[in-house]
Amino acid sequence: MEPIERLNQRSRGFLMALSIGCVGIVGMVDFFTGFELYFFSIYLIPVALAAWYIGRGFGFFISVLCVASSAFGDLEAGARYSTFVLVWNAIIAMAFYFVVVWILSKLRALQDQLEERVRQRTAALNAEMHERMRLEEETLRISEREQIRIGHDLHDSLCQHLTGIALAGQVLSEQLADTPAQAKASDHIVKLIEDAIELTRRLARGLHPVDLKSEGFMDALQELAANITERFKVTCRFECPIPVYIPQPGAAIHLYRIAQEAINNAIKHGKAKNIVIRLEEDTDATRLAVTDDGEGLPENRQDRNGMGLRIMAYRASMIGGTFDIGRLPGSGTSVTCAVPAGAVVAPENYAAEKQRLSS
């Protein structure tokens, strides 16, 4: 710690005693060295100390004390001045010390004002940052709730409605059994409706996976890989060397959305044909990585600051994780989110659940 910072942390009583002690020490040195050596500038040390750390009034007091100590020391050391010279020197010295005290007190007041403004501005910036983070978190929560609502609506409303239409089409096909051409057309319509039902269910599961806790998270990633493979005609596979237990739904949903966004970027921007979702853990962290063989990131790193990347990075930060994206050798992109074990695993339940999943 710097000496000035240490003095700032001292009490006023200590600083006052220190100033007076400095006057005494300088006065003694002044006396023992004789009146031939002039200690006028040395007395500025206690004067400056008193003016800066205590205040203007105490600085004036120390100034008077310094002048008195200097005059007394010189007289005791054998100096013989006329009364006029003694008074004149005392007035000049005191006037100079008073000017120094006034300047230092003004500078200290200005510094205190600046520090107070800095503190106020820092507090305002911190409050603004906390509010911004709160709004960002709320925006993500609202977005998540809307996706869940849309997923429910697709599954509970649209799927049921399409199922009703498919049943009606089947009834119509039975009624048109005597007209094979029309029955065939009706069966084709029923098949299209059934395909639409299956697609709607997949969309609903993508918007709101049913269960992401425990091994449900691994099942959700496995299903995501299968759906991506079927929908986009690419090879997407899920790898998980050992079972990974993620009991906290909040962490699981953020990791799931990061995987979704990384896959969408790989297909949409990277034109990838092979995508690997890998989930693994060690004693320190749980890691989710999405790699592809696409075109990779642009050489200009500024092009990486898209909205999707910022959202993935923010989701990782919300669960205490780190987010990294980089080019693979040759071609392709690697997206990695590493989350400390304590952020996704309840320590008291980890061992038992780990053993259950591994058995």
Protein backbone atom coordinates (compact mmCIF):
# COMPACT_ATOMS: atom_id res chain seq x y z
CA MET A 1 0.00 0.00 0.00
CA GLU A 2 1.29 3.48 -0.87
CA PRO A 3 2.36 5.76 2.03
CA ILE A 4 -0.21 8.41 1.05
CA GLU A 5 -3.00 5.83 1.08
CA ARG A 6 -1.87 4.64 4.49
CA LEU A 7 -2.00 8.20 5.84
CA ASN A 8 -5.50 8.65 4.39
CA GLN A 9 -6.65 5.69 6.47
CA ARG A 10 -5.25 7.09 9.72
CA SER A 11 -7.46 8.87 12.27
CA ARG A 12 -7.47 12.65 12.64
CA GLY A 13 -6.01 12.38 16.15
CA PHE A 14 -3.06 10.37 14.87
CA LEU A 15 -2.41 12.82 12.03
CA MET A 16 -2.61 15.81 14.36
CA ALA A 17 -0.14 14.17 16.74
CA LEU A 18 2.11 13.31 13.78
CA SER A 19 2.12 16.93 12.59
CA ILE A 20 2.99 18.26 16.03
CA GLY A 21 5.65 15.57 16.41
CA CYS A 22 7.19 16.60 13.08
CA VAL A 23 7.38 20.20 14.33
CA GLY A 24 9.18 18.99 17.45
CA ILE A 25 11.66 16.86 15.48
CA VAL A 26 12.47 19.62 12.99
CA GLY A 27 12.78 22.13 15.85
CA MET A 28 15.26 19.91 17.70
CA VAL A 29 17.36 19.40 14.57
CA ASP A 30 17.21 23.14 13.94
CA PHE A 31 18.44 23.83 17.49
CA PHE A 32 21.30 21.34 17.46
CA THR A 33 22.60 22.38 14.03
CA GLY A 34 22.85 26.00 15.12
CA PHE A 35 21.28 29.20 13.91
CA GLU A 36 23.59 29.44 10.87
CA LEU A 37 21.57 26.77 9.01
CA TYR A 38 18.16 27.99 7.93
CA PHE A 39 15.36 25.39 8.29
CA PHE A 40 12.63 27.54 6.77
CA SER A 41 11.79 25.06 3.98
CA ILE A 42 12.07 21.99 6.25
CA TYR A 43 9.24 23.32 8.42
CA LEU A 44 7.03 23.04 5.34
CA ILE A 45 6.77 19.27 5.99
CA PRO A 46 4.55 19.49 9.11
CA VAL A 47 2.74 22.52 7.64
CA ALA A 48 1.86 20.63 4.46
CA LEU A 49 0.94 17.51 6.45
CA ALA A 50 -1.45 19.46 8.68
CA ALA A 51 -3.02 21.47 5.85
CA TRP A 52 -3.56 18.46 3.56
CA TYR A 53 -4.79 15.84 5.99
CA ILE A 54 -6.43 17.90 8.77
CA GLY A 55 -7.57 21.19 7.34
CA ARG A 56 -6.90 24.89 6.94
CA GLY A 57 -7.39 25.84 10.60
CA PHE A 58 -5.00 23.27 11.93
CA GLY A 59 -2.57 24.17 9.18
CA PHE A 60 -2.53 27.78 10.38
CA PHE A 61 -1.93 26.55 13.92
CA ILE A 62 1.03 24.40 12.83
CA SER A 63 2.38 27.35 10.84
CA VAL A 64 2.42 29.51 13.97
CA LEU A 65 3.98 26.64 15.92
CA CYS A 66 6.71 26.22 13.28
CA VAL A 67 7.55 29.95 13.32
CA ALA A 68 7.70 29.96 17.12
CA SER A 69 9.86 26.82 17.18
CA SER A 70 12.25 28.25 14.62
CA ALA A 71 12.63 31.57 16.44
CA PHE A 72 13.01 29.90 19.82
CA GLY A 73 15.60 27.45 18.50
CA ASP A 74 17.67 30.16 16.88
CA LEU A 75 17.64 32.28 20.04
CA GLU A 76 18.59 29.33 22.21
CA ALA A 77 21.36 28.42 19.77
CA GLY A 78 22.94 31.83 20.26
CA ALA A 79 21.45 34.01 17.55
CA ARG A 80 21.22 37.70 18.41
CA TYR A 81 18.56 39.49 16.40
CA SER A 82 16.96 42.81 17.03
CA THR A 83 13.29 42.74 17.88
CA PHE A 84 12.43 44.22 14.48
CA VAL A 85 14.40 41.56 12.57
CA LEU A 86 12.93 38.78 14.69
CA VAL A 87 9.37 40.02 14.17
CA TRP A 88 9.97 40.70 10.46
CA ASN A 89 11.35 37.19 9.81
CA ALA A 90 8.47 35.67 11.77
CA ILE A 91 5.87 37.63 9.76
CA ILE A 92 7.46 36.71 6.41
CA ALA A 93 7.72 33.04 7.32
CA MET A 94 4.21 32.93 8.72
CA ALA A 95 2.78 34.69 5.65
CA PHE A 96 4.50 32.18 3.39
CA TYR A 97 3.25 29.23 5.46
CA PHE A 98 -0.29 30.67 5.44
CA VAL A 99 -0.20 30.94 1.66
CA VAL A 100 0.98 27.32 1.41
CA VAL A 101 -1.77 26.21 3.80
CA TRP A 102 -4.43 28.09 1.82
CA ILE A 103 -3.26 26.62 -1.51
CA LEU A 104 -3.04 23.07 -0.16
CA SER A 105 -6.44 23.31 1.52
CA LYS A 106 -7.95 24.51 -1.76
CA LEU A 107 -6.28 21.68 -3.67
CA ARG A 108 -7.47 19.14 -1.11
CA ALA A 109 -11.03 20.47 -1.32
CA LEU A 110 -10.85 20.27 -5.10
CA GLN A 111 -9.53 16.72 -4.91
CA ASP A 112 -12.29 15.73 -2.50
CA GLN A 113 -14.88 17.19 -4.87
CA LEU A 114 -13.38 15.31 -7.80
CA GLU A 115 -13.27 12.08 -5.81
CA GLU A 116 -16.88 12.56 -4.75
CA ARG A 117 -17.89 13.13 -8.36
CA VAL A 118 -15.96 10.03 -9.38
CA ARG A 119 -17.69 8.03 -6.64
CA GLN A 120 -21.09 9.33 -7.70
CA ARG A 121 -20.39 8.64 -11.35
CA THR A 122 -19.06 5.18 -10.53
CA ALA A 123 -22.14 4.44 -8.44
CA ALA A 124 -24.36 5.68 -11.28
CA LEU A 125 -22.49 3.53 -13.82
CA ASN A 126 -22.72 0.49 -11.55
CA ALA A 127 -26.43 1.06 -11.08
CA GLU A 128 -26.84 1.48 -14.84
CA MET A 129 -24.87 -1.71 -15.51
CA HIS A 130 -26.91 -3.66 -12.96
CA GLU A 131 -30.13 -2.32 -14.48
CA ARG A 132 -28.94 -3.21 -17.96
CA MET A 133 -28.02 -6.72 -16.84
CA ARG A 134 -31.39 -7.05 -15.14
CA LEU A 135 -33.18 -5.95 -18.32
CA GLU A 136 -31.09 -8.33 -20.43
CA GLU A 137 -31.88 -11.21 -18.10
CA GLU A 138 -35.54 -10.26 -18.10
CA THR A 139 -35.51 -10.10 -21.90
CA LEU A 140 -34.05 -13.60 -22.07
CA ARG A 141 -36.62 -14.86 -19.55
CA ILE A 142 -39.45 -13.29 -21.54
CA SER A 143 -38.06 -14.80 -24.74
CA GLU A 144 -37.82 -18.19 -23.05
CA ARG A 145 -41.38 -17.93 -21.72
CA GLU A 146 -42.65 -17.00 -25.19
CA GLN A 147 -40.87 -19.95 -26.75
CA ILE A 148 -42.38 -22.22 -24.11
CA ARG A 149 -45.84 -20.74 -24.74
CA ILE A 150 -45.50 -21.13 -28.51
CA GLY A 151 -44.25 -24.68 -28.03
CA HIS A 152 -47.25 -25.50 -25.86
CA ASP A 153 -49.62 -23.90 -28.36
CA LEU A 154 -48.09 -25.87 -31.22
CA HIS A 155 -48.25 -29.13 -29.30
CA ASP A 156 -51.59 -28.75 -27.52
CA SER A 157 -53.56 -26.72 -30.04
CA LEU A 158 -52.20 -26.99 -33.57
CA CYS A 159 -51.22 -30.66 -33.28
CA GLN A 160 -54.65 -31.55 -31.89
CA HIS A 161 -56.32 -29.56 -34.64
CA LEU A 162 -54.27 -31.26 -37.34
CA THR A 163 -54.96 -34.63 -35.75
CA GLY A 164 -58.68 -33.93 -35.99
CA ILE A 165 -58.28 -33.04 -39.66
CA ALA A 166 -56.31 -36.24 -40.27
CA LEU A 167 -59.07 -38.32 -38.64
CA ALA A 168 -61.66 -36.57 -40.76
CA GLY A 169 -59.55 -37.33 -43.83
CA GLN A 170 -59.39 -40.99 -42.89
CA VAL A 171 -63.16 -41.11 -42.53
CA LEU A 172 -63.44 -39.45 -45.94
CA SER A 173 -61.08 -42.03 -47.44
CA GLU A 174 -63.28 -44.83 -46.11
CA GLN A 175 -66.35 -43.17 -47.60
CA LEU A 176 -64.59 -42.87 -50.98
CA ALA A 177 -63.58 -46.53 -51.04
CA ASP A 178 -65.77 -47.07 -54.10
CA THR A 179 -63.84 -44.42 -56.06
CA PRO A 180 -60.17 -45.51 -55.90
CA ALA A 181 -58.73 -42.32 -57.47
CA GLN A 182 -60.44 -40.03 -55.01
CA ALA A 183 -59.65 -42.35 -52.07
CA LYS A 184 -55.99 -42.30 -53.08
CA ALA A 185 -55.99 -38.49 -53.20
CA SER A 186 -57.65 -38.39 -49.78
CA ASP A 187 -55.02 -40.80 -48.36
CA HIS A 188 -52.29 -38.57 -49.76
CA ILE A 189 -53.81 -35.56 -48.03
CA VAL A 190 -53.98 -37.51 -44.76
CA LYS A 191 -50.28 -38.44 -45.17
CA LEU A 192 -49.35 -34.80 -45.69
CA ILE A 193 -51.32 -33.83 -42.59
CA GLU A 194 -49.59 -36.54 -40.55
CA ASP A 195 -46.22 -35.24 -41.77
CA ALA A 196 -47.29 -31.74 -40.70
CA ILE A 197 -48.25 -33.09 -37.27
CA GLU A 198 -44.82 -34.69 -36.85
CA LEU A 199 -43.06 -31.52 -38.01
CA THR A 200 -45.12 -29.42 -35.62
CA ARG A 201 -44.25 -31.72 -32.72
CA ARG A 202 -40.57 -31.44 -33.55
CA LEU A 203 -40.83 -27.66 -33.68
CA ALA A 204 -42.62 -27.70 -30.35
CA ARG A 205 -39.90 -29.86 -28.79
CA GLY A 206 -37.24 -27.53 -30.18
CA LEU A 207 -38.95 -24.51 -28.68
CA HIS A 208 -39.55 -26.23 -25.37
CA PRO A 209 -37.76 -29.49 -24.61
CA VAL A 210 -39.89 -31.50 -22.24
CA ASP A 211 -37.26 -32.31 -19.61
CA LEU A 212 -33.71 -30.98 -19.47
CA LYS A 213 -32.83 -32.05 -15.94
CA SER A 214 -30.51 -34.95 -15.16
CA GLU A 215 -30.19 -37.39 -18.07
CA GLY A 216 -33.05 -35.57 -19.80
CA PHE A 217 -30.52 -33.00 -20.99
CA MET A 218 -28.51 -35.68 -22.81
CA ASP A 219 -31.72 -37.07 -24.31
CA ALA A 220 -32.69 -33.57 -25.49
CA LEU A 221 -29.32 -33.08 -27.22
CA GLN A 222 -29.58 -36.52 -28.79
CA GLU A 223 -33.05 -35.68 -30.10
CA LEU A 224 -31.81 -32.29 -31.31
CA ALA A 225 -29.04 -33.98 -33.32
CA ALA A 226 -31.54 -36.44 -34.83
CA ASN A 227 -33.98 -33.67 -35.77
CA ILE A 228 -31.22 -31.59 -37.36
CA THR A 229 -30.08 -34.58 -39.38
CA GLU A 230 -33.57 -35.25 -40.69
CA ARG A 231 -34.69 -31.65 -41.26
CA PHE A 232 -31.59 -30.23 -42.93
CA LYS A 233 -30.19 -33.37 -44.55
CA VAL A 234 -26.83 -33.00 -42.81
CA THR A 235 -24.94 -35.35 -40.51
CA CYS A 236 -25.37 -34.23 -36.91
CA ARG A 237 -24.39 -36.53 -34.07
CA PHE A 238 -24.25 -36.25 -30.31
CA GLU A 239 -21.27 -37.53 -28.32
CA CYS A 240 -21.17 -37.94 -24.57
CA PRO A 241 -18.36 -40.27 -23.35
CA ILE A 242 -19.74 -40.44 -19.82
CA PRO A 243 -23.17 -39.43 -18.46
CA VAL A 244 -23.34 -35.77 -17.47
CA TYR A 245 -25.67 -34.76 -14.66
CA ILE A 246 -27.15 -31.23 -14.89
CA PRO A 247 -29.86 -30.86 -12.23
CA GLN A 248 -30.40 -27.13 -12.61
CA PRO A 249 -33.00 -26.36 -15.32
CA GLY A 250 -31.68 -22.82 -15.80
CA ALA A 251 -28.18 -24.00 -16.67
CA ALA A 252 -29.55 -26.78 -18.86
CA ILE A 253 -31.79 -24.50 -20.92
CA HIS A 254 -28.97 -22.01 -21.52
CA LEU A 255 -26.63 -24.79 -22.66
CA TYR A 256 -29.36 -26.20 -24.89
CA ARG A 257 -30.00 -22.80 -26.51
CA ILE A 258 -26.26 -22.31 -27.06
CA ALA A 259 -26.13 -25.66 -28.87
CA GLN A 260 -29.16 -24.71 -30.96
CA GLU A 261 -27.71 -21.36 -31.97
CA ALA A 262 -24.30 -22.86 -32.78
CA ILE A 263 -25.93 -25.49 -35.01
CA ASN A 264 -28.09 -22.90 -36.76
CA ASN A 265 -25.00 -20.77 -37.45
CA ALA A 266 -23.10 -23.78 -38.75
CA ILE A 267 -25.88 -24.63 -41.21
CA LYS A 268 -26.97 -21.12 -42.19
CA HIS A 269 -23.64 -19.30 -42.36
CA GLY A 270 -21.03 -22.06 -42.47
CA LYS A 271 -22.83 -24.34 -44.94
CA ALA A 272 -21.68 -27.28 -42.79
CA LYS A 273 -22.37 -30.88 -43.77
CA ASN A 274 -21.12 -32.57 -40.60
CA ILE A 275 -21.83 -31.30 -37.09
CA VAL A 276 -20.80 -32.82 -33.77
CA ILE A 277 -22.34 -31.94 -30.41
CA ARG A 278 -20.05 -33.08 -27.61
CA LEU A 279 -20.87 -32.99 -23.92
CA GLU A 280 -18.24 -33.90 -21.35
CA GLU A 281 -17.11 -33.03 -17.86
CA ASP A 282 -14.18 -33.29 -15.50
CA THR A 283 -13.61 -32.31 -11.90
CA ASP A 284 -13.49 -28.61 -12.81
CA ALA A 285 -16.14 -27.96 -15.43
CA THR A 286 -18.86 -29.20 -17.71
CA ARG A 287 -18.09 -28.49 -21.37
CA LEU A 288 -20.44 -28.31 -24.31
CA ALA A 289 -18.77 -28.09 -27.72
CA VAL A 290 -20.30 -27.82 -31.18
CA THR A 291 -17.90 -28.36 -34.08
CA ASP A 292 -18.59 -28.40 -37.81
CA ASP A 293 -16.81 -28.72 -41.15
CA GLY A 294 -18.29 -25.59 -42.67
CA GLU A 295 -16.66 -22.52 -44.15
CA GLY A 296 -15.48 -21.35 -40.73
CA LEU A 297 -15.22 -17.89 -39.27
CA PRO A 298 -14.23 -14.95 -41.45
CA GLU A 299 -10.66 -13.77 -41.12
CA ASN A 300 -11.90 -10.34 -40.03
CA ARG A 301 -12.74 -10.91 -36.38
CA GLN A 302 -15.10 -7.93 -36.37
CA ASP A 303 -17.49 -10.06 -38.41
CA ARG A 304 -17.85 -12.33 -35.39
CA ASN A 305 -19.82 -9.83 -33.35
CA GLY A 306 -23.25 -10.91 -34.55
CA MET A 307 -26.33 -10.93 -32.37
CA GLY A 308 -26.36 -14.72 -32.12
CA LEU A 309 -22.77 -14.85 -30.87
CA ARG A 310 -23.41 -12.12 -28.32
CA ILE A 311 -26.50 -13.95 -27.03
CA MET A 312 -24.56 -17.20 -26.72
CA ALA A 313 -21.77 -15.44 -24.83
CA TYR A 314 -24.29 -13.73 -22.57
CA ARG A 315 -26.10 -17.00 -21.86
CA ALA A 316 -22.75 -18.54 -20.88
CA SER A 317 -22.01 -15.63 -18.54
CA MET A 318 -25.42 -15.96 -16.88
CA ILE A 319 -24.54 -19.45 -15.66
CA GLY A 320 -20.99 -18.46 -14.68
CA GLY A 321 -19.39 -20.08 -17.73
CA THR A 322 -16.92 -19.04 -20.39
CA PHE A 323 -17.70 -18.88 -24.10
CA ASP A 324 -15.21 -19.39 -26.89
CA ILE A 325 -15.50 -19.58 -30.66
CA GLY A 326 -12.69 -20.20 -33.11
CA ARG A 327 -11.64 -21.50 -36.48
CA LEU A 328 -10.63 -25.11 -36.83
CA PRO A 329 -7.50 -26.02 -38.82
CA GLY A 330 -8.41 -26.12 -42.47
CA SER A 331 -12.09 -25.29 -42.26
CA GLY A 332 -14.90 -25.37 -39.78
CA THR A 333 -15.80 -23.72 -36.52
CA SER A 334 -15.66 -24.75 -32.88
CA VAL A 335 -18.06 -23.27 -30.32
CA THR A 336 -17.34 -24.15 -26.68
CA CYS A 337 -19.07 -23.28 -23.44
CA ALA A 338 -17.33 -24.34 -20.22
CA VAL A 339 -19.31 -24.06 -17.00
CA PRO A 340 -17.77 -24.59 -13.54
CA ALA A 341 -19.04 -27.77 -11.93
CA GLY A 342 -20.64 -25.89 -9.05
CA ALA A 343 -22.82 -23.91 -11.44
CA VAL A 344 -24.58 -26.96 -12.91
CA VAL A 345 -24.23 -29.63 -10.23
CA ALA A 346 -25.58 -29.72 -6.71
CA PRO A 347 -22.52 -30.98 -4.78
CA GLU A 348 -24.53 -32.87 -2.17
CA ASN A 349 -26.36 -34.87 -4.86
CA TYR A 350 -23.59 -35.25 -7.40
CA ALA A 351 -21.94 -38.46 -6.24
CA ALA A 352 -25.17 -40.43 -5.88
CA GLU A 353 -26.58 -39.22 -9.17
CA LYS A 354 -23.33 -39.85 -10.97
CA GLN A 355 -23.25 -43.43 -9.76
CA ARG A 356 -26.89 -43.91 -10.76
CA LEU A 357 -26.32 -42.60 -14.28
CA SER A 358 -23.17 -44.66 -14.75
CA SER A 359 -24.80 -47.92 -13.67
